Amino acid sequence: MNYDRFDIKAIAEELDGHFNKYDMDSYTGQCSQCGNFVSQSEDCCAECKRPGVWFNSKIWRDLYGNPTSAARELSGELPTTATGLLLLKRAGVRFFPSVAEERQWARDENTLGYVTMEDVIKYVVDTKKRRGRAAVNHALNLANSKYKQYKAEQKDLEVTPAEETPTTEMW
């Protein structure tokens, strides 16, 4: 998991009778990487910068939005290519949603090249004005269709050797 998951209800169960429901905003979680305490007003550990998501916290929801959406985004895969980084930055997304989608993007970049993938990103983000997860999905689909088109063109260009008929000169 690429992030720490904190839950007010789980803390309440753990503390049982000692949980103060009138002072829920003061409870903190502990970073699993460095052990530092993370308040509900933080979206990452102040010490090691490991992302954290607070469930059932009004403060966290008001500051950062829906924790389920944030957790889904943080469960993704980091890009391994230059245009993958560019796509995520321009779309305003932290991760690819899955390993398969990141590998597909890397395959497409390796086959089609940096310039073509950069054109895909420009088209999706600048021309179509897409942002977020929609931009990543659109770019993945467009790059995949260009990849399939490229492969079909390459297959058409393959030259099959003509069948040679034996002649007396071949002996």
N, C-alpha and C. Protein backbone atom coordinates (compact mmCIF):
# COMPACT_ATOMS: atom_id res chain seq x y z
N MET A 1 0.85 -1.17 0.00
CA MET A 1 0.00 0.00 0.00
C MET A 1 0.90 1.23 0.00
N ASN A 2 0.56 2.22 -0.83
CA ASN A 2 1.35 3.43 -0.98
C ASN A 2 0.99 4.52 0.01
N TYR A 3 0.14 4.24 0.98
CA TYR A 3 -0.31 5.27 1.91
C TYR A 3 -0.72 4.64 3.23
N ASP A 4 -0.87 5.48 4.26
CA ASP A 4 -1.38 5.03 5.56
C ASP A 4 -2.86 5.32 5.63
N ARG A 5 -3.60 4.39 6.18
CA ARG A 5 -5.05 4.53 6.32
C ARG A 5 -5.36 4.72 7.80
N PHE A 6 -5.99 5.83 8.10
CA PHE A 6 -6.41 6.14 9.47
C PHE A 6 -7.93 6.21 9.50
N ASP A 7 -8.53 5.74 10.60
CA ASP A 7 -9.99 5.73 10.69
C ASP A 7 -10.41 6.11 12.11
N ILE A 8 -11.22 7.15 12.23
CA ILE A 8 -11.69 7.61 13.53
C ILE A 8 -12.49 6.51 14.22
N LYS A 9 -13.32 5.78 13.48
CA LYS A 9 -14.13 4.71 14.09
C LYS A 9 -13.24 3.60 14.64
N ALA A 10 -12.15 3.29 13.95
CA ALA A 10 -11.22 2.26 14.44
C ALA A 10 -10.52 2.74 15.71
N ILE A 11 -10.19 4.02 15.75
CA ILE A 11 -9.57 4.58 16.97
C ILE A 11 -10.56 4.53 18.12
N ALA A 12 -11.83 4.84 17.85
CA ALA A 12 -12.86 4.79 18.88
C ALA A 12 -13.01 3.38 19.44
N GLU A 13 -13.00 2.37 18.57
CA GLU A 13 -13.09 0.98 19.02
C GLU A 13 -11.88 0.58 19.85
N GLU A 14 -10.71 1.03 19.40
CA GLU A 14 -9.47 0.68 20.10
C GLU A 14 -9.43 1.29 21.50
N LEU A 15 -9.89 2.53 21.63
CA LEU A 15 -9.87 3.22 22.93
C LEU A 15 -11.08 2.87 23.78
N ASP A 16 -12.08 2.29 23.20
CA ASP A 16 -13.30 1.84 23.85
C ASP A 16 -13.89 2.93 24.74
N GLY A 17 -13.87 2.77 26.04
CA GLY A 17 -14.50 3.72 26.97
C GLY A 17 -13.72 5.00 27.14
N HIS A 18 -12.48 5.06 26.66
CA HIS A 18 -11.65 6.25 26.83
C HIS A 18 -11.74 7.21 25.64
N PHE A 19 -12.55 6.88 24.67
CA PHE A 19 -12.69 7.73 23.48
C PHE A 19 -13.62 8.89 23.79
N ASN A 20 -13.18 10.12 23.51
CA ASN A 20 -13.97 11.31 23.75
C ASN A 20 -14.61 11.75 22.44
N LYS A 21 -15.87 11.46 22.27
CA LYS A 21 -16.54 11.78 21.00
C LYS A 21 -16.75 13.28 20.82
N TYR A 22 -16.60 14.05 21.89
CA TYR A 22 -16.74 15.51 21.79
C TYR A 22 -15.44 16.19 21.37
N ASP A 23 -14.35 15.42 21.37
CA ASP A 23 -13.04 15.97 20.99
C ASP A 23 -12.39 15.08 19.92
N MET A 24 -13.20 14.68 18.94
CA MET A 24 -12.73 13.76 17.90
C MET A 24 -11.62 14.36 17.05
N ASP A 25 -11.60 15.69 16.93
CA ASP A 25 -10.62 16.34 16.06
C ASP A 25 -9.20 16.30 16.59
N SER A 26 -9.03 15.96 17.86
CA SER A 26 -7.69 15.97 18.45
C SER A 26 -6.94 14.65 18.27
N TYR A 27 -7.60 13.62 17.82
CA TYR A 27 -6.94 12.32 17.69
C TYR A 27 -5.98 12.30 16.49
N THR A 28 -4.87 11.58 16.65
CA THR A 28 -3.85 11.48 15.61
C THR A 28 -3.60 10.03 15.27
N GLY A 29 -3.00 9.81 14.10
CA GLY A 29 -2.58 8.49 13.68
C GLY A 29 -1.06 8.43 13.70
N GLN A 30 -0.52 7.24 13.51
CA GLN A 30 0.93 7.09 13.51
C GLN A 30 1.40 6.56 12.15
N CYS A 31 2.40 7.23 11.60
CA CYS A 31 2.95 6.85 10.30
C CYS A 31 3.58 5.46 10.40
N SER A 32 3.25 4.61 9.45
CA SER A 32 3.78 3.24 9.46
C SER A 32 5.23 3.18 9.00
N GLN A 33 5.71 4.24 8.37
CA GLN A 33 7.07 4.24 7.85
C GLN A 33 8.08 4.77 8.87
N CYS A 34 7.76 5.92 9.50
CA CYS A 34 8.75 6.53 10.40
C CYS A 34 8.28 6.62 11.85
N GLY A 35 6.98 6.37 12.10
CA GLY A 35 6.48 6.40 13.47
C GLY A 35 6.02 7.78 13.93
N ASN A 36 6.13 8.79 13.09
CA ASN A 36 5.72 10.14 13.44
C ASN A 36 4.19 10.20 13.53
N PHE A 37 3.68 11.11 14.36
CA PHE A 37 2.24 11.26 14.49
C PHE A 37 1.70 12.16 13.38
N VAL A 38 0.53 11.77 12.83
CA VAL A 38 -0.10 12.48 11.73
C VAL A 38 -1.46 12.97 12.19
N SER A 39 -1.67 14.29 12.15
CA SER A 39 -2.96 14.85 12.58
C SER A 39 -3.97 14.72 11.44
N GLN A 40 -5.23 14.96 11.78
CA GLN A 40 -6.30 14.86 10.79
C GLN A 40 -6.26 16.01 9.78
N SER A 41 -5.50 17.04 10.06
CA SER A 41 -5.41 18.16 9.12
C SER A 41 -4.25 17.98 8.14
N GLU A 42 -3.58 16.84 8.18
CA GLU A 42 -2.45 16.58 7.28
C GLU A 42 -2.80 15.45 6.31
N ASP A 43 -2.35 15.60 5.06
CA ASP A 43 -2.58 14.54 4.08
C ASP A 43 -1.33 13.68 3.88
N CYS A 44 -0.26 14.00 4.63
CA CYS A 44 0.94 13.19 4.59
C CYS A 44 1.73 13.40 5.88
N CYS A 45 2.63 12.49 6.15
CA CYS A 45 3.49 12.58 7.33
C CYS A 45 4.44 13.78 7.16
N ALA A 46 4.56 14.59 8.19
CA ALA A 46 5.43 15.77 8.12
C ALA A 46 6.90 15.37 8.06
N GLU A 47 7.24 14.21 8.58
CA GLU A 47 8.64 13.76 8.64
C GLU A 47 9.10 13.11 7.33
N CYS A 48 8.39 12.07 6.89
CA CYS A 48 8.86 11.29 5.72
C CYS A 48 8.02 11.51 4.46
N LYS A 49 6.95 12.30 4.56
CA LYS A 49 6.07 12.64 3.43
C LYS A 49 5.26 11.46 2.89
N ARG A 50 5.10 10.40 3.68
CA ARG A 50 4.26 9.28 3.27
C ARG A 50 2.80 9.74 3.31
N PRO A 51 2.04 9.55 2.21
CA PRO A 51 0.65 9.99 2.19
C PRO A 51 -0.20 9.27 3.23
N GLY A 52 -1.18 9.97 3.74
CA GLY A 52 -2.12 9.39 4.70
C GLY A 52 -3.53 9.83 4.38
N VAL A 53 -4.49 8.94 4.59
CA VAL A 53 -5.90 9.25 4.32
C VAL A 53 -6.68 8.96 5.59
N TRP A 54 -7.46 9.94 6.02
CA TRP A 54 -8.31 9.81 7.20
C TRP A 54 -9.74 9.52 6.79
N PHE A 55 -10.26 8.40 7.25
CA PHE A 55 -11.67 8.04 7.01
C PHE A 55 -12.49 8.47 8.22
N ASN A 56 -13.72 8.89 7.97
CA ASN A 56 -14.66 9.33 9.01
C ASN A 56 -14.16 10.54 9.78
N SER A 57 -13.32 11.35 9.15
CA SER A 57 -12.82 12.58 9.76
C SER A 57 -13.40 13.78 9.02
N LYS A 58 -14.14 14.62 9.74
CA LYS A 58 -14.74 15.80 9.12
C LYS A 58 -13.66 16.78 8.69
N ILE A 59 -12.63 16.94 9.50
CA ILE A 59 -11.54 17.87 9.17
C ILE A 59 -10.87 17.45 7.86
N TRP A 60 -10.49 16.19 7.75
CA TRP A 60 -9.77 15.71 6.56
C TRP A 60 -10.66 15.85 5.32
N ARG A 61 -11.93 15.48 5.45
CA ARG A 61 -12.86 15.57 4.31
C ARG A 61 -13.01 17.02 3.85
N ASP A 62 -13.12 17.96 4.80
CA ASP A 62 -13.27 19.37 4.44
C ASP A 62 -12.03 19.91 3.73
N LEU A 63 -10.86 19.45 4.15
CA LEU A 63 -9.61 19.94 3.56
C LEU A 63 -9.24 19.27 2.24
N TYR A 64 -9.44 17.95 2.15
CA TYR A 64 -8.90 17.18 1.03
C TYR A 64 -9.93 16.44 0.20
N GLY A 65 -11.19 16.47 0.60
CA GLY A 65 -12.22 15.81 -0.20
C GLY A 65 -12.53 14.39 0.26
N ASN A 66 -13.10 13.64 -0.64
CA ASN A 66 -13.56 12.28 -0.34
C ASN A 66 -12.39 11.34 -0.07
N PRO A 67 -12.33 10.74 1.12
CA PRO A 67 -11.21 9.84 1.42
C PRO A 67 -11.19 8.57 0.56
N THR A 68 -12.35 8.10 0.14
CA THR A 68 -12.39 6.91 -0.71
C THR A 68 -11.74 7.19 -2.06
N SER A 69 -12.03 8.35 -2.63
CA SER A 69 -11.41 8.73 -3.91
C SER A 69 -9.90 8.92 -3.75
N ALA A 70 -9.51 9.54 -2.65
CA ALA A 70 -8.07 9.73 -2.40
C ALA A 70 -7.36 8.40 -2.24
N ALA A 71 -7.98 7.47 -1.53
CA ALA A 71 -7.37 6.15 -1.34
C ALA A 71 -7.26 5.40 -2.66
N ARG A 72 -8.28 5.52 -3.50
CA ARG A 72 -8.25 4.86 -4.81
C ARG A 72 -7.10 5.41 -5.65
N GLU A 73 -6.95 6.72 -5.61
CA GLU A 73 -5.88 7.36 -6.38
C GLU A 73 -4.50 6.96 -5.85
N LEU A 74 -4.37 6.89 -4.52
CA LEU A 74 -3.08 6.55 -3.92
C LEU A 74 -2.72 5.07 -4.07
N SER A 75 -3.69 4.26 -4.43
CA SER A 75 -3.43 2.83 -4.61
C SER A 75 -2.84 2.54 -5.99
N GLY A 76 -2.61 3.56 -6.76
CA GLY A 76 -2.15 3.40 -8.13
C GLY A 76 -0.66 3.11 -8.25
N GLU A 77 -0.20 3.23 -9.47
CA GLU A 77 1.18 2.87 -9.83
C GLU A 77 1.93 4.11 -10.31
N LEU A 78 3.17 4.27 -9.86
CA LEU A 78 4.00 5.39 -10.30
C LEU A 78 4.45 5.17 -11.75
N PRO A 79 4.57 6.25 -12.53
CA PRO A 79 5.00 6.10 -13.92
C PRO A 79 6.49 5.78 -14.02
N THR A 80 6.85 5.05 -15.07
CA THR A 80 8.26 4.68 -15.30
C THR A 80 8.83 5.36 -16.53
N THR A 81 8.02 6.15 -17.23
CA THR A 81 8.48 6.80 -18.45
C THR A 81 8.35 8.32 -18.32
N ALA A 82 9.07 9.03 -19.16
CA ALA A 82 9.04 10.49 -19.13
C ALA A 82 7.65 11.03 -19.47
N THR A 83 7.02 10.47 -20.49
CA THR A 83 5.69 10.98 -20.85
C THR A 83 4.64 10.53 -19.84
N GLY A 84 4.88 9.43 -19.16
CA GLY A 84 3.97 9.03 -18.09
C GLY A 84 3.96 10.06 -16.98
N LEU A 85 5.15 10.54 -16.61
CA LEU A 85 5.24 11.61 -15.60
C LEU A 85 4.55 12.88 -16.10
N LEU A 86 4.78 13.21 -17.36
CA LEU A 86 4.18 14.40 -17.95
C LEU A 86 2.66 14.30 -17.96
N LEU A 87 2.13 13.15 -18.36
CA LEU A 87 0.68 12.95 -18.40
C LEU A 87 0.07 13.15 -17.03
N LEU A 88 0.64 12.52 -16.02
CA LEU A 88 0.07 12.62 -14.68
C LEU A 88 0.15 14.05 -14.15
N LYS A 89 1.26 14.72 -14.42
CA LYS A 89 1.42 16.10 -13.97
C LYS A 89 0.40 17.01 -14.64
N ARG A 90 0.26 16.89 -15.96
CA ARG A 90 -0.66 17.77 -16.70
C ARG A 90 -2.13 17.44 -16.37
N ALA A 91 -2.41 16.18 -16.05
CA ALA A 91 -3.78 15.78 -15.71
C ALA A 91 -4.12 16.08 -14.25
N GLY A 92 -3.09 16.31 -13.43
CA GLY A 92 -3.32 16.58 -12.01
C GLY A 92 -3.61 15.33 -11.21
N VAL A 93 -2.98 14.22 -11.59
CA VAL A 93 -3.18 12.94 -10.92
C VAL A 93 -1.83 12.46 -10.40
N ARG A 94 -1.83 11.76 -9.27
CA ARG A 94 -0.57 11.31 -8.67
C ARG A 94 -0.05 10.00 -9.25
N PHE A 95 -0.96 9.07 -9.56
CA PHE A 95 -0.56 7.73 -9.96
C PHE A 95 -1.41 7.23 -11.13
N PHE A 96 -0.88 6.23 -11.85
CA PHE A 96 -1.71 5.48 -12.77
C PHE A 96 -2.61 4.59 -11.91
N PRO A 97 -3.83 4.34 -12.35
CA PRO A 97 -4.75 3.56 -11.52
C PRO A 97 -4.36 2.10 -11.32
N SER A 98 -3.56 1.55 -12.21
CA SER A 98 -3.17 0.14 -12.05
C SER A 98 -1.83 -0.10 -12.73
N VAL A 99 -1.22 -1.22 -12.37
CA VAL A 99 0.05 -1.63 -12.98
C VAL A 99 -0.14 -1.88 -14.47
N ALA A 100 -1.27 -2.48 -14.83
CA ALA A 100 -1.53 -2.80 -16.24
C ALA A 100 -1.60 -1.53 -17.09
N GLU A 101 -2.24 -0.49 -16.58
CA GLU A 101 -2.35 0.75 -17.35
C GLU A 101 -1.00 1.45 -17.47
N GLU A 102 -0.18 1.38 -16.41
CA GLU A 102 1.15 1.98 -16.48
C GLU A 102 2.02 1.23 -17.49
N ARG A 103 1.92 -0.09 -17.49
CA ARG A 103 2.69 -0.90 -18.45
C ARG A 103 2.23 -0.65 -19.88
N GLN A 104 0.92 -0.47 -20.07
CA GLN A 104 0.39 -0.17 -21.40
C GLN A 104 0.96 1.16 -21.89
N TRP A 105 0.98 2.18 -21.02
CA TRP A 105 1.51 3.48 -21.41
C TRP A 105 3.00 3.36 -21.76
N ALA A 106 3.76 2.61 -20.96
CA ALA A 106 5.19 2.42 -21.22
C ALA A 106 5.41 1.70 -22.55
N ARG A 107 4.60 0.68 -22.81
CA ARG A 107 4.69 -0.06 -24.08
C ARG A 107 4.41 0.87 -25.26
N ASP A 108 3.37 1.68 -25.12
CA ASP A 108 3.01 2.60 -26.20
C ASP A 108 4.12 3.63 -26.43
N GLU A 109 4.70 4.15 -25.35
CA GLU A 109 5.79 5.11 -25.52
C GLU A 109 7.01 4.47 -26.16
N ASN A 110 7.34 3.26 -25.75
CA ASN A 110 8.50 2.58 -26.34
C ASN A 110 8.31 2.30 -27.82
N THR A 111 7.07 2.04 -28.22
CA THR A 111 6.77 1.74 -29.62
C THR A 111 6.60 3.00 -30.46
N LEU A 112 5.81 3.94 -29.96
CA LEU A 112 5.44 5.11 -30.74
C LEU A 112 6.42 6.27 -30.61
N GLY A 113 7.14 6.34 -29.51
CA GLY A 113 8.11 7.41 -29.30
C GLY A 113 7.58 8.54 -28.45
N TYR A 114 8.52 9.32 -27.94
CA TYR A 114 8.22 10.42 -27.02
C TYR A 114 7.34 11.49 -27.68
N VAL A 115 7.66 11.87 -28.90
CA VAL A 115 6.95 12.96 -29.56
C VAL A 115 5.47 12.61 -29.78
N THR A 116 5.19 11.40 -30.22
CA THR A 116 3.81 10.98 -30.44
C THR A 116 3.03 10.98 -29.13
N MET A 117 3.64 10.48 -28.06
CA MET A 117 2.96 10.43 -26.78
C MET A 117 2.75 11.84 -26.22
N GLU A 118 3.70 12.72 -26.47
CA GLU A 118 3.55 14.10 -26.05
C GLU A 118 2.38 14.76 -26.81
N ASP A 119 2.24 14.44 -28.09
CA ASP A 119 1.11 14.94 -28.88
C ASP A 119 -0.22 14.43 -28.32
N VAL A 120 -0.25 13.18 -27.89
CA VAL A 120 -1.46 12.62 -27.28
C VAL A 120 -1.83 13.42 -26.03
N ILE A 121 -0.84 13.70 -25.19
CA ILE A 121 -1.08 14.45 -23.95
C ILE A 121 -1.58 15.86 -24.27
N LYS A 122 -0.94 16.52 -25.23
CA LYS A 122 -1.36 17.87 -25.61
C LYS A 122 -2.80 17.87 -26.12
N TYR A 123 -3.14 16.88 -26.95
CA TYR A 123 -4.50 16.80 -27.49
C TYR A 123 -5.52 16.64 -26.36
N VAL A 124 -5.24 15.71 -25.45
CA VAL A 124 -6.21 15.41 -24.39
C VAL A 124 -6.33 16.57 -23.40
N VAL A 125 -5.19 17.12 -22.97
CA VAL A 125 -5.21 18.14 -21.91
C VAL A 125 -5.51 19.53 -22.46
N ASP A 126 -4.86 19.91 -23.57
CA ASP A 126 -5.02 21.27 -24.09
C ASP A 126 -6.24 21.42 -25.00
N THR A 127 -6.41 20.51 -25.96
CA THR A 127 -7.51 20.63 -26.92
C THR A 127 -8.84 20.21 -26.30
N LYS A 128 -8.86 19.04 -25.68
CA LYS A 128 -10.11 18.52 -25.10
C LYS A 128 -10.38 19.04 -23.69
N LYS A 129 -9.39 19.69 -23.09
CA LYS A 129 -9.53 20.30 -21.75
C LYS A 129 -9.93 19.28 -20.68
N ARG A 130 -9.37 18.09 -20.78
CA ARG A 130 -9.67 17.05 -19.78
C ARG A 130 -8.68 17.16 -18.62
N ARG A 131 -9.14 16.82 -17.43
CA ARG A 131 -8.30 16.81 -16.24
C ARG A 131 -8.64 15.58 -15.41
N GLY A 132 -7.74 15.24 -14.54
CA GLY A 132 -7.98 14.16 -13.59
C GLY A 132 -7.99 12.79 -14.25
N ARG A 133 -8.76 11.90 -13.66
CA ARG A 133 -8.83 10.51 -14.10
C ARG A 133 -9.36 10.41 -15.53
N ALA A 134 -10.27 11.31 -15.92
CA ALA A 134 -10.82 11.31 -17.28
C ALA A 134 -9.73 11.56 -18.30
N ALA A 135 -8.80 12.46 -17.99
CA ALA A 135 -7.70 12.76 -18.91
C ALA A 135 -6.79 11.55 -19.08
N VAL A 136 -6.49 10.87 -17.97
CA VAL A 136 -5.63 9.69 -18.05
C VAL A 136 -6.30 8.59 -18.87
N ASN A 137 -7.58 8.34 -18.62
CA ASN A 137 -8.32 7.33 -19.40
C ASN A 137 -8.35 7.67 -20.88
N HIS A 138 -8.64 8.93 -21.19
CA HIS A 138 -8.71 9.35 -22.60
C HIS A 138 -7.34 9.17 -23.27
N ALA A 139 -6.28 9.59 -22.59
CA ALA A 139 -4.93 9.47 -23.16
C ALA A 139 -4.54 7.99 -23.35
N LEU A 140 -4.88 7.15 -22.39
CA LEU A 140 -4.58 5.72 -22.51
C LEU A 140 -5.30 5.11 -23.71
N ASN A 141 -6.57 5.44 -23.87
CA ASN A 141 -7.35 4.90 -24.99
C ASN A 141 -6.83 5.40 -26.34
N LEU A 142 -6.50 6.69 -26.40
CA LEU A 142 -5.98 7.26 -27.64
C LEU A 142 -4.63 6.66 -28.00
N ALA A 143 -3.74 6.54 -27.01
CA ALA A 143 -2.42 5.95 -27.26
C ALA A 143 -2.55 4.49 -27.67
N ASN A 144 -3.48 3.77 -27.06
CA ASN A 144 -3.68 2.36 -27.42
C ASN A 144 -4.19 2.23 -28.85
N SER A 145 -5.08 3.11 -29.27
CA SER A 145 -5.58 3.04 -30.65
C SER A 145 -4.46 3.38 -31.64
N LYS A 146 -3.61 4.34 -31.29
CA LYS A 146 -2.46 4.66 -32.15
C LYS A 146 -1.48 3.48 -32.20
N TYR A 147 -1.31 2.80 -31.09
CA TYR A 147 -0.44 1.62 -31.04
C TYR A 147 -0.98 0.52 -31.97
N LYS A 148 -2.27 0.25 -31.88
CA LYS A 148 -2.87 -0.78 -32.74
C LYS A 148 -2.76 -0.40 -34.21
N GLN A 149 -2.97 0.86 -34.51
CA GLN A 149 -2.86 1.35 -35.89
C GLN A 149 -1.42 1.18 -36.39
N TYR A 150 -0.46 1.51 -35.56
CA TYR A 150 0.96 1.37 -35.91
C TYR A 150 1.30 -0.10 -36.18
N LYS A 151 0.83 -0.99 -35.33
CA LYS A 151 1.11 -2.43 -35.49
C LYS A 151 0.48 -2.96 -36.77
N ALA A 152 -0.72 -2.49 -37.09
CA ALA A 152 -1.39 -2.93 -38.33
C ALA A 152 -0.62 -2.45 -39.55
N GLU A 153 -0.12 -1.21 -39.51
CA GLU A 153 0.69 -0.69 -40.61
C GLU A 153 1.98 -1.47 -40.77
N GLN A 154 2.60 -1.83 -39.66
CA GLN A 154 3.84 -2.60 -39.71
C GLN A 154 3.60 -3.98 -40.31
N LYS A 155 2.46 -4.56 -39.97
CA LYS A 155 2.13 -5.89 -40.50
C LYS A 155 1.91 -5.82 -42.02
N ASP A 156 1.29 -4.73 -42.48
CA ASP A 156 1.05 -4.55 -43.91
C ASP A 156 2.36 -4.35 -44.67
N LEU A 157 3.35 -3.76 -44.02
CA LEU A 157 4.62 -3.48 -44.66
C LEU A 157 5.54 -4.70 -44.75
N GLU A 158 5.23 -5.73 -43.96
CA GLU A 158 6.07 -6.92 -43.99
C GLU A 158 6.05 -7.54 -45.38
N VAL A 159 7.22 -7.84 -45.86
CA VAL A 159 7.34 -8.43 -47.19
C VAL A 159 7.54 -9.93 -47.01
N THR A 160 6.68 -10.67 -47.66
CA THR A 160 6.84 -12.12 -47.59
C THR A 160 7.67 -12.55 -48.78
N PRO A 161 8.67 -13.38 -48.57
CA PRO A 161 9.52 -13.80 -49.69
C PRO A 161 8.71 -14.57 -50.73
N ALA A 162 8.94 -14.23 -51.97
CA ALA A 162 8.23 -14.91 -53.06
C ALA A 162 8.68 -16.36 -53.11
N GLU A 163 7.75 -17.19 -53.45
CA GLU A 163 8.08 -18.60 -53.54
C GLU A 163 9.01 -18.82 -54.72
N GLU A 164 10.12 -19.44 -54.45
CA GLU A 164 11.09 -19.66 -55.51
C GLU A 164 10.77 -20.95 -56.25
N THR A 165 10.81 -20.87 -57.56
CA THR A 165 10.59 -22.07 -58.37
C THR A 165 11.96 -22.60 -58.76
N PRO A 166 12.16 -23.87 -58.61
CA PRO A 166 13.48 -24.44 -58.94
C PRO A 166 13.77 -24.31 -60.43
N THR A 167 14.93 -23.88 -60.69
CA THR A 167 15.41 -23.78 -62.08
C THR A 167 16.70 -24.57 -62.20
N THR A 168 17.14 -24.72 -63.40
CA THR A 168 18.38 -25.46 -63.61
C THR A 168 19.59 -24.70 -63.09
N GLU A 169 19.45 -23.40 -62.98
CA GLU A 169 20.56 -22.59 -62.49
C GLU A 169 20.77 -22.77 -61.00
N MET A 170 19.76 -23.23 -60.30
CA MET A 170 19.86 -23.40 -58.85
C MET A 170 20.64 -24.64 -58.49
N TRP A 171 20.81 -25.60 -59.41
CA TRP A 171 21.50 -26.85 -59.10
C TRP A 171 22.92 -26.63 -59.12
